[in-house]
Amino acid sequence: MVAELRDVARRAAAKAMINFLLLVSRQGKTRLTKWYESYAAKEKARIVREITATVLARAPKMCNFVEWRNKKIIYKRYASLFFIVCVDAEDNELITLEMIHLYVEVLDRYFGNVCELDIIFNFHKAYYILDEIFVGGELCESSKKEVLSVCAQMDELMEEREEAMRIKEKEQYERRIQE
């Protein structure tokens, strides 16, 4: 019975399609955006303003689901950040909340108690983690361990590259001095 319920949840998650994801501070500053549907730049700006105003105006005890333009906005506040996701109207809200929570848990483990400043100063890593979990707006990897393993490998590659760049710069500097 439990295995059957997991299979149903897994199939429902596989069908869930994220249209876009926003990370917004309590002050209304956009910290991260990821678009899985094509919108013009002006439309994106208008959507961000509209959804940010809608979510920030809601009381903390209100439901985390909002119907919007034949779609659903599902959001969750973690510390000073709102994680906002737009999905199709027929998608399951609770599974979408679980997908948001998965992303937050991976961020939390990667950064060690993630905060808004981690997202601001390491936005490229936040995007990389997001891209490891979601591909084309669909949940691709649900294993936190696997995502963190890939991120650790990426960090090692970046450190090796930086070390190689330092060695190359040092060699170039020494050549200039000898000339």
Foldseek 3Di string as FASTA:
>chain_A
DVVVVVVVLVVLQQPWFWQKKWKAFLVLDTLDIDGLDDDDPVVVVVVSVVVSVVVSPDDPPDAQWDDDDQWIWGWDDDVGIIIITITHNPRDNVSVVVLVVLLVVLCCVLVPHDDSVCCNVVVVLSVLLVCVQDDSRGGDDSDSVVSVVVSVVVVVVVVVVVVVVVVVVVVVVVVVVVD
